[in-house]
Amino acid sequence: MSRTFSPLPFKIAGHVSIGPASITEAALIGPHVNIRSNRVVRKFAIIKDSVKILNGTVVPHNMVIPSFSVVAGRPARLVGEIEEGEIESFDLREAYRGVGNAPT
C-alpha cells in the first residue's frame, strides 16, 4: 500500500511570531500575530490580523479568529480584544533575539 503526501495550503503574513513547542497547521495566519509557546493550531484554522494566542492554547480545526482578538483555552475561545494602538506594543524583539539575530 502506498501513501500519497498532499500538502495543505498554508500562508503566513509578515510580523508573525511562533513560539517554541508550537504546532501550526493553519490555512492562513495574518500579519502581526503572536503565537506563544506550547500552542496547537489545527488544520484549516484562519487567524486574521493582530491576534495574540496565549500559552497552552489549542485552536480547533476550521476556527476563524477575528482581527484584534486575544485567544486562550483548550479548545480556544476569545478572551479579550487588542485595543486600537496596542499593536505597536507587539514587541517581537525578544523572539528575534531568541534565534540569535539580535542587532548589535
C-alpha atoms as a PDB file:
ATOM      1  CA  MET A   1       0.000   0.000   0.000  1.00  0.00           C
ATOM      2  CA  SER A   2       1.483   3.343  -0.968  1.00  0.00           C
ATOM      3  CA  ARG A   3       0.809   6.638   0.738  1.00  0.00           C
ATOM      4  CA  THR A   4       0.448   9.916  -1.051  1.00  0.00           C
ATOM      5  CA  PHE A   5       1.528  13.097   0.661  1.00  0.00           C
ATOM      6  CA  SER A   6      -0.744  16.007  -0.116  1.00  0.00           C
ATOM      7  CA  PRO A   7       0.406  19.324   1.359  1.00  0.00           C
ATOM      8  CA  LEU A   8      -2.227  21.703   2.630  1.00  0.00           C
ATOM      9  CA  PRO A   9      -2.244  25.341   1.543  1.00  0.00           C
ATOM     10  CA  PHE A  10      -0.509  27.442   4.185  1.00  0.00           C
ATOM     11  CA  LYS A  11       0.107  31.191   4.166  1.00  0.00           C
ATOM     12  CA  ILE A  12       1.906  33.231   6.827  1.00  0.00           C
ATOM     13  CA  ALA A  13       1.981  37.023   6.553  1.00  0.00           C
ATOM     14  CA  GLY A  14       4.734  39.289   7.880  1.00  0.00           C
ATOM     15  CA  HIS A  15       5.423  40.143  11.527  1.00  0.00           C
ATOM     16  CA  VAL A  16       4.352  36.743  12.866  1.00  0.00           C
ATOM     17  CA  SER A  17       5.966  35.223  15.946  1.00  0.00           C
ATOM     18  CA  ILE A  18       5.541  31.484  16.626  1.00  0.00           C
ATOM     19  CA  GLY A  19       6.990  30.307  19.936  1.00  0.00           C
ATOM     20  CA  PRO A  20       8.825  27.084  20.752  1.00  0.00           C
ATOM     21  CA  ALA A  21       6.996  23.751  21.057  1.00  0.00           C
ATOM     22  CA  SER A  22       4.089  25.018  18.941  1.00  0.00           C
ATOM     23  CA  ILE A  23       2.370  23.060  16.184  1.00  0.00           C
ATOM     24  CA  THR A  24       0.877  25.167  13.418  1.00  0.00           C
ATOM     25  CA  GLU A  25      -1.242  23.696  10.625  1.00  0.00           C
ATOM     26  CA  ALA A  26      -3.381  26.766   9.920  1.00  0.00           C
ATOM     27  CA  ALA A  27      -4.599  27.679   6.461  1.00  0.00           C
ATOM     28  CA  LEU A  28      -3.840  31.384   6.986  1.00  0.00           C
ATOM     29  CA  ILE A  29      -2.026  33.472   9.578  1.00  0.00           C
ATOM     30  CA  GLY A  30      -2.397  37.219   9.069  1.00  0.00           C
ATOM     31  CA  PRO A  31       0.127  39.944   9.917  1.00  0.00           C
ATOM     32  CA  HIS A  32       1.029  40.947  13.483  1.00  0.00           C
ATOM     33  CA  VAL A  33       0.111  37.608  15.042  1.00  0.00           C
ATOM     34  CA  ASN A  34       1.815  36.406  18.211  1.00  0.00           C
ATOM     35  CA  ILE A  35       1.558  32.652  18.832  1.00  0.00           C
ATOM     36  CA  ARG A  36       3.363  31.980  22.097  1.00  0.00           C
ATOM     37  CA  SER A  37       4.845  28.658  23.248  1.00  0.00           C
ATOM     38  CA  ASN A  38       3.132  25.271  23.566  1.00  0.00           C
ATOM     39  CA  ARG A  39       0.231  26.053  21.243  1.00  0.00           C
ATOM     40  CA  VAL A  40      -1.518  23.907  18.698  1.00  0.00           C
ATOM     41  CA  VAL A  41      -3.232  25.458  15.689  1.00  0.00           C
ATOM     42  CA  ARG A  42      -5.162  22.774  13.796  1.00  0.00           C
ATOM     43  CA  LYS A  43      -5.814  22.379  10.079  1.00  0.00           C
ATOM     44  CA  PHE A  44      -7.786  24.966   8.164  1.00  0.00           C
ATOM     45  CA  ALA A  45      -7.814  27.485  11.028  1.00  0.00           C
ATOM     46  CA  ILE A  46      -7.759  31.100   9.916  1.00  0.00           C
ATOM     47  CA  ILE A  47      -6.061  33.643  12.155  1.00  0.00           C
ATOM     48  CA  LYS A  48      -6.757  37.164  10.998  1.00  0.00           C
ATOM     49  CA  ASP A  49      -4.663  40.320  11.621  1.00  0.00           C
ATOM     50  CA  SER A  50      -3.276  41.398  15.005  1.00  0.00           C
ATOM     51  CA  VAL A  51      -4.089  38.368  17.167  1.00  0.00           C
ATOM     52  CA  LYS A  52      -2.454  37.044  20.360  1.00  0.00           C
ATOM     53  CA  ILE A  53      -2.732  33.333  21.099  1.00  0.00           C
ATOM     54  CA  LEU A  54      -1.795  32.707  24.718  1.00  0.00           C
ATOM     55  CA  ASN A  55       0.302  29.850  26.176  1.00  0.00           C
ATOM     56  CA  GLY A  56      -1.122  26.338  26.009  1.00  0.00           C
ATOM     57  CA  THR A  57      -3.967  27.208  23.630  1.00  0.00           C
ATOM     58  CA  VAL A  58      -5.399  24.655  21.206  1.00  0.00           C
ATOM     59  CA  VAL A  59      -7.096  26.249  18.193  1.00  0.00           C
ATOM     60  CA  PRO A  60      -9.501  23.648  16.722  1.00  0.00           C
ATOM     61  CA  HIS A  61      -9.952  22.721  13.069  1.00  0.00           C
ATOM     62  CA  ASN A  62     -11.746  25.338  10.933  1.00  0.00           C
ATOM     63  CA  MET A  63     -11.826  28.052  13.627  1.00  0.00           C
ATOM     64  CA  VAL A  64     -11.723  31.627  12.356  1.00  0.00           C
ATOM     65  CA  ILE A  65     -10.162  34.065  14.816  1.00  0.00           C
ATOM     66  CA  PRO A  66     -11.230  37.660  14.120  1.00  0.00           C
ATOM     67  CA  SER A  67      -8.773  40.536  13.923  1.00  0.00           C
ATOM     68  CA  PHE A  68      -7.644  42.233  17.164  1.00  0.00           C
ATOM     69  CA  SER A  69      -8.509  39.219  19.357  1.00  0.00           C
ATOM     70  CA  VAL A  70      -6.847  37.532  22.321  1.00  0.00           C
ATOM     71  CA  VAL A  71      -7.444  33.767  22.388  1.00  0.00           C
ATOM     72  CA  ALA A  72      -6.828  31.153  25.106  1.00  0.00           C
ATOM     73  CA  GLY A  73      -8.001  27.745  26.269  1.00  0.00           C
ATOM     74  CA  ARG A  74      -8.444  24.129  25.176  1.00  0.00           C
ATOM     75  CA  PRO A  75     -10.334  24.466  22.902  1.00  0.00           C
ATOM     76  CA  ALA A  76      -9.541  28.078  22.095  1.00  0.00           C
ATOM     77  CA  ARG A  77     -12.040  30.811  22.830  1.00  0.00           C
ATOM     78  CA  LEU A  78     -11.947  34.582  22.613  1.00  0.00           C
ATOM     79  CA  VAL A  79     -10.904  36.039  25.977  1.00  0.00           C
ATOM     80  CA  GLY A  80     -10.193  39.636  25.049  1.00  0.00           C
ATOM     81  CA  GLU A  81      -9.553  42.272  22.452  1.00  0.00           C
ATOM     82  CA  ILE A  82      -6.480  44.218  21.450  1.00  0.00           C
ATOM     83  CA  GLU A  83      -7.118  47.915  21.820  1.00  0.00           C
ATOM     84  CA  GLU A  84      -6.516  50.332  18.997  1.00  0.00           C
ATOM     85  CA  GLY A  85      -2.893  51.445  19.096  1.00  0.00           C
ATOM     86  CA  GLU A  86      -1.817  48.418  21.147  1.00  0.00           C
ATOM     87  CA  ILE A  87      -0.477  46.734  18.006  1.00  0.00           C
ATOM     88  CA  GLU A  88       2.654  48.847  18.329  1.00  0.00           C
ATOM     89  CA  SER A  89       3.316  47.076  21.637  1.00  0.00           C
ATOM     90  CA  PHE A  90       3.676  43.714  19.863  1.00  0.00           C
ATOM     91  CA  ASP A  91       7.335  43.629  20.686  1.00  0.00           C
ATOM     92  CA  LEU A  92       8.954  40.866  18.661  1.00  0.00           C
ATOM     93  CA  ARG A  93      12.479  41.840  19.689  1.00  0.00           C
ATOM     94  CA  GLU A  94      12.672  39.059  22.316  1.00  0.00           C
ATOM     95  CA  ALA A  95      11.637  36.437  19.763  1.00  0.00           C
ATOM     96  CA  TYR A  96      14.148  37.887  17.316  1.00  0.00           C
ATOM     97  CA  ARG A  97      16.926  37.652  19.920  1.00  0.00           C
ATOM     98  CA  GLY A  98      15.895  34.080  20.675  1.00  0.00           C
ATOM     99  CA  VAL A  99      17.010  32.912  17.260  1.00  0.00           C
ATOM    100  CA  GLY A 100      20.381  34.645  17.508  1.00  0.00           C
ATOM    101  CA  ASN A 101      19.618  37.561  15.204  1.00  0.00           C
ATOM    102  CA  ALA A 102      19.751  40.429  17.685  1.00  0.00           C
ATOM    103  CA  PRO A 103      21.208  43.591  16.235  1.00  0.00           C
ATOM    104  CA  THR A 104      24.337  44.778  17.971  1.00  0.00           C
END
